[in-house]
């Protein structure tokens, strides 16, 4: 006779476990954190934007810019869009629209990537939100044009590399 087995599944198991998990690549990630960050990665800024998706239309979300990547997470409940773009993939950043632009979603940024992606973000005109985001993205996506090192200082410290070895 087979006895009824009890299920080992507990719906409240997440409450008892640690929220930090180690992924397959060995990086500890905090699940309550908005952006899963790599070692040495720091959050520079975050803004509420409207991502103009070429397939689904405008999606309201929050964009996070770190020193390594641009990360967008959708705020809408019906679409769970996550966009993860390394800053090294960005080839061009353009401002779209202007102070006299009329129409919905006509003021923002147009980002062209080396992997053939075109990202369009609509921003609010008040508060110079486009200028702040444009300056931060151009500074970190094109570090040599802004007298920054290609290898961030955090990685040099992490791997104990002297900066003088990188100059040839």
N, C-alpha and C. Protein backbone atom coordinates (compact mmCIF):
# COMPACT_ATOMS: atom_id res chain seq x y z
N UNK A 1 0.82 -1.16 0.00
CA UNK A 1 0.00 0.00 0.00
C UNK A 1 0.87 1.23 0.00
N UNK A 2 0.50 2.10 -0.84
CA UNK A 2 1.24 3.36 -0.93
C UNK A 2 0.64 4.36 0.03
N UNK A 3 1.49 4.94 0.80
CA UNK A 3 0.98 5.95 1.73
C UNK A 3 1.05 7.31 1.05
N UNK A 4 0.20 8.19 1.49
CA UNK A 4 0.16 9.54 0.91
C UNK A 4 1.40 10.30 1.36
N UNK A 5 2.13 10.80 0.41
CA UNK A 5 3.34 11.54 0.76
C UNK A 5 2.99 13.00 1.02
N UNK A 6 3.68 13.56 1.94
CA UNK A 6 3.45 14.97 2.27
C UNK A 6 4.33 15.82 1.37
N UNK A 7 3.79 16.90 0.95
CA UNK A 7 4.51 17.78 0.05
C UNK A 7 5.57 18.56 0.81
N UNK A 8 6.75 18.66 0.22
CA UNK A 8 7.83 19.42 0.85
C UNK A 8 7.78 20.89 0.45
N UNK A 9 6.84 21.24 -0.42
CA UNK A 9 6.72 22.62 -0.87
C UNK A 9 6.07 23.45 0.22
N UNK A 10 6.71 24.54 0.58
CA UNK A 10 6.16 25.45 1.57
C UNK A 10 6.03 26.81 0.92
N UNK A 11 4.84 27.34 0.86
CA UNK A 11 4.62 28.61 0.17
C UNK A 11 5.28 29.78 0.89
N UNK A 12 5.62 29.62 2.15
CA UNK A 12 6.25 30.68 2.91
C UNK A 12 7.75 30.46 3.09
N UNK A 13 8.34 29.67 2.22
CA UNK A 13 9.75 29.35 2.39
C UNK A 13 10.64 30.54 2.14
N UNK A 14 10.20 31.51 1.34
CA UNK A 14 11.02 32.69 1.09
C UNK A 14 11.17 33.57 2.33
N UNK A 15 10.18 33.51 3.21
CA UNK A 15 10.24 34.32 4.42
C UNK A 15 11.33 33.81 5.37
N UNK A 16 11.61 32.53 5.31
CA UNK A 16 12.57 31.94 6.22
C UNK A 16 13.99 31.96 5.69
N UNK A 17 14.12 32.01 4.37
CA UNK A 17 15.44 31.96 3.77
C UNK A 17 16.04 33.34 3.67
N UNK A 18 17.32 33.36 3.46
CA UNK A 18 18.01 34.63 3.25
C UNK A 18 17.59 35.21 1.90
N UNK A 19 17.51 36.51 1.84
CA UNK A 19 17.10 37.17 0.59
C UNK A 19 18.26 37.21 -0.39
N UNK A 20 19.49 37.13 0.09
CA UNK A 20 20.64 37.14 -0.81
C UNK A 20 20.80 35.75 -1.42
N UNK A 21 21.02 35.72 -2.72
CA UNK A 21 21.22 34.47 -3.43
C UNK A 21 22.53 34.55 -4.22
N UNK A 22 23.12 33.41 -4.45
CA UNK A 22 24.30 33.35 -5.31
C UNK A 22 23.86 32.77 -6.64
N UNK A 23 24.10 33.51 -7.71
CA UNK A 23 23.70 33.06 -9.03
C UNK A 23 24.73 32.07 -9.58
N UNK A 24 24.47 31.60 -10.80
CA UNK A 24 25.37 30.63 -11.42
C UNK A 24 26.76 31.20 -11.66
N UNK A 25 26.85 32.52 -11.84
CA UNK A 25 28.16 33.11 -12.09
C UNK A 25 28.91 33.45 -10.81
N UNK A 26 28.34 33.10 -9.65
CA UNK A 26 29.03 33.28 -8.38
C UNK A 26 28.88 34.65 -7.77
N UNK A 27 28.00 35.49 -8.29
CA UNK A 27 27.82 36.84 -7.78
C UNK A 27 26.66 36.84 -6.80
N UNK A 28 26.89 37.38 -5.60
CA UNK A 28 25.81 37.51 -4.63
C UNK A 28 24.91 38.65 -5.05
N UNK A 29 23.61 38.38 -5.12
CA UNK A 29 22.66 39.40 -5.52
C UNK A 29 21.58 39.52 -4.47
N UNK A 30 21.22 40.76 -4.15
CA UNK A 30 20.16 41.04 -3.22
C UNK A 30 18.86 41.16 -4.01
N UNK A 31 17.87 40.30 -3.72
CA UNK A 31 16.65 40.29 -4.51
C UNK A 31 15.78 41.50 -4.24
N UNK A 32 15.97 42.20 -3.14
CA UNK A 32 15.19 43.39 -2.87
C UNK A 32 15.78 44.61 -3.53
N UNK A 33 16.97 44.49 -4.06
CA UNK A 33 17.65 45.59 -4.72
C UNK A 33 17.03 45.84 -6.09
N UNK A 34 16.95 47.12 -6.50
CA UNK A 34 16.33 47.46 -7.77
C UNK A 34 17.16 46.98 -8.95
N UNK A 35 18.47 47.08 -8.86
CA UNK A 35 19.36 46.66 -9.94
C UNK A 35 20.32 45.61 -9.40
N UNK A 36 20.37 44.42 -10.00
CA UNK A 36 21.38 43.46 -9.58
C UNK A 36 22.76 43.96 -10.03
N UNK A 37 23.62 44.27 -9.07
CA UNK A 37 24.91 44.88 -9.40
C UNK A 37 26.05 43.89 -9.28
N UNK A 38 27.07 44.10 -10.10
CA UNK A 38 28.28 43.31 -10.07
C UNK A 38 29.24 43.89 -9.04
N UNK A 39 30.27 43.17 -8.65
CA UNK A 39 31.25 43.73 -7.72
C UNK A 39 31.92 44.96 -8.33
N UNK A 40 31.97 46.04 -7.59
CA UNK A 40 32.57 47.29 -8.07
C UNK A 40 31.62 48.17 -8.83
N UNK A 41 30.41 47.71 -9.07
CA UNK A 41 29.43 48.50 -9.81
C UNK A 41 28.68 49.41 -8.85
N UNK A 42 28.61 50.69 -9.18
CA UNK A 42 27.91 51.65 -8.32
C UNK A 42 26.78 52.31 -9.10
N UNK A 43 25.70 52.57 -8.41
CA UNK A 43 24.55 53.24 -9.01
C UNK A 43 24.84 54.73 -9.10
N UNK A 44 24.75 55.29 -10.31
CA UNK A 44 25.01 56.71 -10.53
C UNK A 44 23.72 57.51 -10.37
N UNK A 45 22.68 57.13 -11.09
CA UNK A 45 21.41 57.84 -11.02
C UNK A 45 20.27 56.91 -11.44
N UNK A 46 19.06 57.33 -11.11
CA UNK A 46 17.87 56.63 -11.58
C UNK A 46 16.79 57.67 -11.87
N UNK A 47 16.03 57.43 -12.92
CA UNK A 47 14.99 58.37 -13.36
C UNK A 47 13.78 57.60 -13.85
N UNK A 48 12.61 58.23 -13.70
CA UNK A 48 11.40 57.68 -14.26
C UNK A 48 11.30 58.13 -15.70
N UNK A 49 11.11 57.18 -16.61
CA UNK A 49 11.07 57.47 -18.04
C UNK A 49 9.92 56.71 -18.68
N UNK A 50 9.70 57.00 -19.95
CA UNK A 50 8.80 56.19 -20.77
C UNK A 50 9.67 55.61 -21.88
N UNK A 51 9.79 54.29 -21.90
CA UNK A 51 10.55 53.61 -22.94
C UNK A 51 9.62 53.39 -24.12
N UNK A 52 10.02 53.88 -25.27
CA UNK A 52 9.19 53.72 -26.47
C UNK A 52 9.63 52.44 -27.16
N UNK A 53 8.93 51.39 -26.84
CA UNK A 53 9.24 50.05 -27.36
C UNK A 53 8.77 49.95 -28.81
N UNK A 54 9.60 49.46 -29.72
CA UNK A 54 9.17 49.35 -31.12
C UNK A 54 8.09 48.28 -31.34
N UNK A 55 7.91 47.39 -30.37
CA UNK A 55 6.95 46.30 -30.54
C UNK A 55 5.66 46.52 -29.76
N UNK A 56 5.76 47.05 -28.53
CA UNK A 56 4.60 47.17 -27.66
C UNK A 56 4.15 48.60 -27.41
N UNK A 57 4.86 49.59 -27.97
CA UNK A 57 4.49 50.98 -27.73
C UNK A 57 5.12 51.51 -26.45
N UNK A 58 4.64 52.65 -25.96
CA UNK A 58 5.24 53.27 -24.77
C UNK A 58 5.02 52.45 -23.50
N UNK A 59 6.11 52.27 -22.74
CA UNK A 59 6.07 51.53 -21.48
C UNK A 59 6.71 52.41 -20.41
N UNK A 60 5.96 52.67 -19.35
CA UNK A 60 6.49 53.48 -18.26
C UNK A 60 7.41 52.62 -17.40
N UNK A 61 8.57 53.18 -17.08
CA UNK A 61 9.53 52.41 -16.30
C UNK A 61 10.51 53.31 -15.57
N UNK A 62 11.46 52.68 -14.92
CA UNK A 62 12.50 53.40 -14.20
C UNK A 62 13.84 52.93 -14.76
N UNK A 63 14.66 53.91 -15.18
CA UNK A 63 15.97 53.59 -15.73
C UNK A 63 17.02 53.86 -14.66
N UNK A 64 17.93 52.90 -14.50
CA UNK A 64 19.02 53.00 -13.55
C UNK A 64 20.31 53.04 -14.35
N UNK A 65 21.18 54.00 -14.06
CA UNK A 65 22.46 54.08 -14.74
C UNK A 65 23.55 53.82 -13.72
N UNK A 66 24.36 52.80 -13.98
CA UNK A 66 25.50 52.50 -13.12
C UNK A 66 26.76 52.85 -13.89
N UNK A 67 27.90 52.62 -13.28
CA UNK A 67 29.14 52.90 -13.99
C UNK A 67 29.45 51.85 -15.05
N UNK A 68 28.66 50.77 -15.15
CA UNK A 68 28.85 49.73 -16.16
C UNK A 68 27.72 49.61 -17.16
N UNK A 69 26.49 49.96 -16.78
CA UNK A 69 25.37 49.66 -17.65
C UNK A 69 24.16 50.56 -17.42
N UNK A 70 23.25 50.46 -18.38
CA UNK A 70 21.94 51.11 -18.30
C UNK A 70 20.94 49.99 -18.08
N UNK A 71 20.10 50.13 -17.08
CA UNK A 71 19.17 49.06 -16.69
C UNK A 71 17.78 49.66 -16.58
N UNK A 72 16.82 49.14 -17.32
CA UNK A 72 15.45 49.63 -17.27
C UNK A 72 14.55 48.55 -16.73
N UNK A 73 13.71 48.92 -15.78
CA UNK A 73 12.72 48.00 -15.24
C UNK A 73 11.35 48.64 -15.39
N UNK A 74 10.42 47.90 -15.96
CA UNK A 74 9.06 48.39 -16.20
C UNK A 74 8.33 48.60 -14.87
N UNK A 75 7.54 49.68 -14.80
CA UNK A 75 6.71 49.95 -13.62
C UNK A 75 5.28 49.47 -13.82
N UNK A 76 4.94 49.12 -15.03
CA UNK A 76 3.59 48.67 -15.33
C UNK A 76 3.43 47.20 -14.94
N UNK A 77 2.25 46.87 -14.43
CA UNK A 77 2.02 45.51 -13.96
C UNK A 77 1.75 44.53 -15.11
N UNK A 78 1.21 45.03 -16.22
CA UNK A 78 0.88 44.11 -17.31
C UNK A 78 2.07 43.74 -18.19
N UNK A 79 3.16 44.49 -18.11
CA UNK A 79 4.36 44.12 -18.88
C UNK A 79 5.56 44.09 -17.94
N UNK A 80 6.29 43.02 -17.98
CA UNK A 80 7.46 42.88 -17.12
C UNK A 80 8.73 43.02 -17.95
N UNK A 81 8.95 44.21 -18.47
CA UNK A 81 10.10 44.47 -19.32
C UNK A 81 11.31 44.80 -18.47
N UNK A 82 12.42 44.13 -18.77
CA UNK A 82 13.72 44.46 -18.17
C UNK A 82 14.69 44.60 -19.32
N UNK A 83 15.37 45.75 -19.37
CA UNK A 83 16.32 46.04 -20.42
C UNK A 83 17.67 46.27 -19.77
N UNK A 84 18.67 45.49 -20.15
CA UNK A 84 19.99 45.54 -19.55
C UNK A 84 21.00 45.81 -20.67
N UNK A 85 21.57 47.02 -20.69
CA UNK A 85 22.47 47.42 -21.78
C UNK A 85 23.82 47.81 -21.19
N UNK A 86 24.89 47.08 -21.49
CA UNK A 86 26.22 47.52 -21.06
C UNK A 86 26.57 48.84 -21.73
N UNK A 87 27.23 49.73 -21.00
CA UNK A 87 27.55 51.05 -21.56
C UNK A 87 28.54 50.97 -22.71
N UNK A 88 29.34 49.91 -22.77
CA UNK A 88 30.28 49.74 -23.87
C UNK A 88 29.62 49.43 -25.20
N UNK A 89 28.35 49.08 -25.19
CA UNK A 89 27.61 48.75 -26.40
C UNK A 89 27.05 50.02 -27.06
N UNK A 90 26.95 51.10 -26.31
CA UNK A 90 26.36 52.34 -26.83
C UNK A 90 27.33 53.01 -27.80
N UNK A 91 26.83 53.33 -28.99
CA UNK A 91 27.67 54.00 -29.98
C UNK A 91 27.29 55.47 -30.18
N UNK A 92 26.04 55.84 -29.91
CA UNK A 92 25.63 57.22 -30.11
C UNK A 92 24.46 57.56 -29.19
N UNK A 93 24.49 58.77 -28.63
CA UNK A 93 23.41 59.26 -27.78
C UNK A 93 22.98 60.61 -28.35
N UNK A 94 21.71 60.74 -28.67
CA UNK A 94 21.20 61.98 -29.23
C UNK A 94 20.01 62.47 -28.43
N UNK A 95 19.90 63.79 -28.34
CA UNK A 95 18.72 64.39 -27.73
C UNK A 95 17.66 64.50 -28.80
N UNK A 96 16.43 64.15 -28.45
CA UNK A 96 15.33 64.30 -29.40
C UNK A 96 14.34 65.31 -28.85
N UNK A 97 13.78 66.10 -29.73
CA UNK A 97 12.84 67.13 -29.32
C UNK A 97 13.56 68.35 -28.78
N UNK A 98 12.81 69.30 -28.30
CA UNK A 98 13.36 70.52 -27.74
C UNK A 98 12.34 71.19 -26.84
N UNK A 99 12.66 72.40 -26.43
CA UNK A 99 11.77 73.12 -25.51
C UNK A 99 10.41 73.41 -26.15
N UNK A 100 10.38 73.56 -27.47
CA UNK A 100 9.12 73.87 -28.15
C UNK A 100 8.44 72.63 -28.71
N UNK A 101 8.95 71.45 -28.39
CA UNK A 101 8.37 70.21 -28.92
C UNK A 101 6.96 70.00 -28.39
N UNK A 102 6.09 69.67 -29.29
CA UNK A 102 4.70 69.37 -28.93
C UNK A 102 4.44 67.90 -29.21
N UNK A 103 3.48 67.38 -28.54
CA UNK A 103 3.11 65.99 -28.77
C UNK A 103 3.56 65.10 -27.63
N UNK A 104 2.95 63.96 -27.60
CA UNK A 104 3.25 63.00 -26.55
C UNK A 104 4.56 62.28 -26.84
N UNK A 105 5.41 62.16 -25.86
CA UNK A 105 6.69 61.43 -25.95
C UNK A 105 7.62 61.99 -27.04
N UNK A 106 7.66 63.30 -27.18
CA UNK A 106 8.51 63.90 -28.21
C UNK A 106 9.79 64.50 -27.64
N UNK A 107 9.99 64.43 -26.34
CA UNK A 107 11.15 65.02 -25.70
C UNK A 107 11.88 63.92 -24.95
N UNK A 108 13.14 63.68 -25.30
CA UNK A 108 13.87 62.62 -24.61
C UNK A 108 15.20 62.31 -25.25
N UNK A 109 15.61 61.06 -25.15
CA UNK A 109 16.90 60.60 -25.66
C UNK A 109 16.70 59.46 -26.64
N UNK A 110 17.56 59.44 -27.65
CA UNK A 110 17.58 58.37 -28.64
C UNK A 110 18.99 57.75 -28.58
N UNK A 111 19.08 56.49 -28.20
CA UNK A 111 20.36 55.81 -27.99
C UNK A 111 20.52 54.73 -29.06
N UNK A 112 21.64 54.79 -29.78
CA UNK A 112 21.95 53.78 -30.79
C UNK A 112 23.05 52.89 -30.25
N UNK A 113 22.85 51.58 -30.37
CA UNK A 113 23.81 50.62 -29.84
C UNK A 113 24.56 49.92 -30.96
N UNK A 114 25.72 49.38 -30.63
CA UNK A 114 26.54 48.65 -31.60
C UNK A 114 25.93 47.31 -31.98
N UNK A 115 25.04 46.81 -31.15
CA UNK A 115 24.39 45.53 -31.45
C UNK A 115 23.05 45.71 -32.15
N UNK A 116 22.89 46.84 -32.85
CA UNK A 116 21.74 47.15 -33.71
C UNK A 116 20.47 47.51 -32.94
N UNK A 117 20.54 47.77 -31.67
CA UNK A 117 19.37 48.20 -30.92
C UNK A 117 19.27 49.72 -30.98
N UNK A 118 18.06 50.24 -31.06
CA UNK A 118 17.78 51.66 -30.95
C UNK A 118 16.83 51.84 -29.79
N UNK A 119 17.27 52.56 -28.77
CA UNK A 119 16.47 52.76 -27.57
C UNK A 119 15.99 54.20 -27.54
N UNK A 120 14.70 54.39 -27.32
CA UNK A 120 14.13 55.74 -27.23
C UNK A 120 13.48 55.88 -25.88
N UNK A 121 13.87 56.95 -25.18
CA UNK A 121 13.32 57.25 -23.88
C UNK A 121 12.68 58.62 -23.92
N UNK A 122 11.43 58.71 -23.50
CA UNK A 122 10.74 59.99 -23.39
C UNK A 122 10.85 60.44 -21.94
N UNK A 123 11.16 61.72 -21.76
CA UNK A 123 11.36 62.28 -20.42
C UNK A 123 10.47 63.51 -20.24
N UNK A 124 10.32 63.93 -19.00
CA UNK A 124 9.57 65.15 -18.71
C UNK A 124 10.44 66.36 -19.04
N UNK A 125 9.82 67.42 -19.53
CA UNK A 125 10.57 68.60 -19.93
C UNK A 125 11.03 69.43 -18.73
N UNK A 126 10.30 69.41 -17.66
CA UNK A 126 10.69 70.23 -16.51
C UNK A 126 11.79 69.56 -15.70
N UNK A 127 12.68 70.37 -15.16
CA UNK A 127 13.74 69.86 -14.30
C UNK A 127 15.02 69.44 -15.00
N UNK A 128 15.15 69.67 -16.29
CA UNK A 128 16.35 69.30 -17.06
C UNK A 128 16.71 67.83 -16.88
N UNK A 129 15.71 66.96 -16.84
CA UNK A 129 15.98 65.54 -16.65
C UNK A 129 16.73 64.94 -17.84
N UNK A 130 16.49 65.46 -19.03
CA UNK A 130 17.17 64.94 -20.21
C UNK A 130 18.65 65.31 -20.18
N UNK A 131 18.95 66.55 -19.79
CA UNK A 131 20.34 67.00 -19.77
C UNK A 131 21.16 66.19 -18.77
N UNK A 132 20.61 65.95 -17.58
CA UNK A 132 21.33 65.18 -16.56
C UNK A 132 21.62 63.76 -17.05
N UNK A 133 20.62 63.13 -17.62
CA UNK A 133 20.78 61.75 -18.09
C UNK A 133 21.74 61.70 -19.28
N UNK A 134 21.66 62.67 -20.18
CA UNK A 134 22.54 62.74 -21.34
C UNK A 134 24.00 62.90 -20.91
N UNK A 135 24.26 63.79 -19.96
CA UNK A 135 25.63 64.02 -19.50
C UNK A 135 26.21 62.80 -18.79
N UNK A 136 25.41 62.15 -17.97
CA UNK A 136 25.89 60.96 -17.25
C UNK A 136 26.17 59.83 -18.22
N UNK A 137 25.27 59.61 -19.17
CA UNK A 137 25.48 58.53 -20.15
C UNK A 137 26.70 58.79 -21.03
N UNK A 138 26.87 60.02 -21.51
CA UNK A 138 28.03 60.30 -22.37
C UNK A 138 29.33 60.20 -21.58
N UNK A 139 29.30 60.56 -20.32
CA UNK A 139 30.51 60.49 -19.49
C UNK A 139 30.96 59.05 -19.29
N UNK A 140 30.02 58.16 -18.99
CA UNK A 140 30.39 56.78 -18.69
C UNK A 140 30.39 55.86 -19.92
N UNK A 141 29.65 56.19 -20.97
CA UNK A 141 29.67 55.36 -22.18
C UNK A 141 30.89 55.66 -23.04
N UNK A 142 31.41 56.89 -22.95
CA UNK A 142 32.59 57.30 -23.71
C UNK A 142 33.64 57.86 -22.75
N UNK A 143 34.29 56.99 -21.97
CA UNK A 143 35.17 57.47 -20.89
C UNK A 143 36.42 58.19 -21.38
N UNK A 144 36.99 57.82 -22.51
CA UNK A 144 38.21 58.46 -22.98
C UNK A 144 37.96 59.91 -23.40
N UNK A 145 36.77 60.22 -23.87
CA UNK A 145 36.43 61.59 -24.26
C UNK A 145 36.27 62.49 -23.04
N UNK A 146 36.13 61.90 -21.85
CA UNK A 146 35.94 62.67 -20.63
C UNK A 146 37.08 62.45 -19.64
N UNK A 147 38.24 62.05 -20.12
CA UNK A 147 39.44 61.83 -19.32
C UNK A 147 39.23 60.84 -18.19
N UNK A 148 38.47 59.79 -18.45
CA UNK A 148 38.29 58.71 -17.49
C UNK A 148 39.06 57.50 -17.97
N UNK A 149 39.38 56.60 -17.07
CA UNK A 149 40.07 55.36 -17.41
C UNK A 149 39.08 54.37 -17.98
N UNK A 150 39.54 53.54 -18.91
CA UNK A 150 38.70 52.47 -19.42
C UNK A 150 38.42 51.42 -18.35
N UNK A 151 39.40 51.17 -17.51
CA UNK A 151 39.25 50.22 -16.41
C UNK A 151 38.92 51.02 -15.16
N UNK A 152 37.75 50.82 -14.56
CA UNK A 152 37.38 51.59 -13.37
C UNK A 152 38.32 51.32 -12.20
N UNK A 153 38.45 52.30 -11.34
CA UNK A 153 39.32 52.19 -10.16
C UNK A 153 38.92 51.03 -9.26
N UNK A 154 37.62 50.71 -9.21
CA UNK A 154 37.17 49.62 -8.35
C UNK A 154 37.77 48.29 -8.79
N UNK A 155 37.89 48.08 -10.10
CA UNK A 155 38.49 46.83 -10.59
C UNK A 155 39.98 46.79 -10.31
N UNK A 156 40.65 47.94 -10.40
CA UNK A 156 42.08 47.98 -10.10
C UNK A 156 42.32 47.61 -8.65
N UNK A 157 41.49 48.10 -7.76
CA UNK A 157 41.62 47.79 -6.33
C UNK A 157 41.27 46.33 -6.07
N UNK A 158 40.19 45.85 -6.72
CA UNK A 158 39.73 44.48 -6.52
C UNK A 158 40.79 43.46 -6.92
N UNK A 159 41.46 43.70 -8.03
CA UNK A 159 42.47 42.77 -8.52
C UNK A 159 43.89 43.18 -8.16
N UNK A 160 44.04 44.22 -7.34
CA UNK A 160 45.35 44.69 -6.85
C UNK A 160 46.32 44.96 -8.00
N UNK A 161 45.86 45.75 -8.97
CA UNK A 161 46.68 46.11 -10.12
C UNK A 161 47.14 47.55 -9.95
N UNK A 162 48.41 47.80 -10.18
CA UNK A 162 48.93 49.16 -10.11
C UNK A 162 48.58 49.87 -11.41
N UNK A 163 48.10 51.11 -11.30
CA UNK A 163 47.67 51.88 -12.45
C UNK A 163 48.83 52.11 -13.45
N UNK A 164 50.06 52.12 -12.98
CA UNK A 164 51.20 52.38 -13.86
C UNK A 164 51.45 51.24 -14.84
N UNK A 165 50.96 50.03 -14.53
CA UNK A 165 51.11 48.90 -15.45
C UNK A 165 50.19 49.02 -16.66
N UNK A 166 49.11 49.82 -16.54
CA UNK A 166 48.16 49.95 -17.63
C UNK A 166 48.58 50.95 -18.68
N UNK A 167 49.57 51.78 -18.40
CA UNK A 167 50.03 52.80 -19.35
C UNK A 167 51.14 52.22 -20.21
N UNK A 168 51.02 52.28 -21.51
CA UNK A 168 52.08 51.81 -22.37
C UNK A 168 52.54 52.87 -23.26
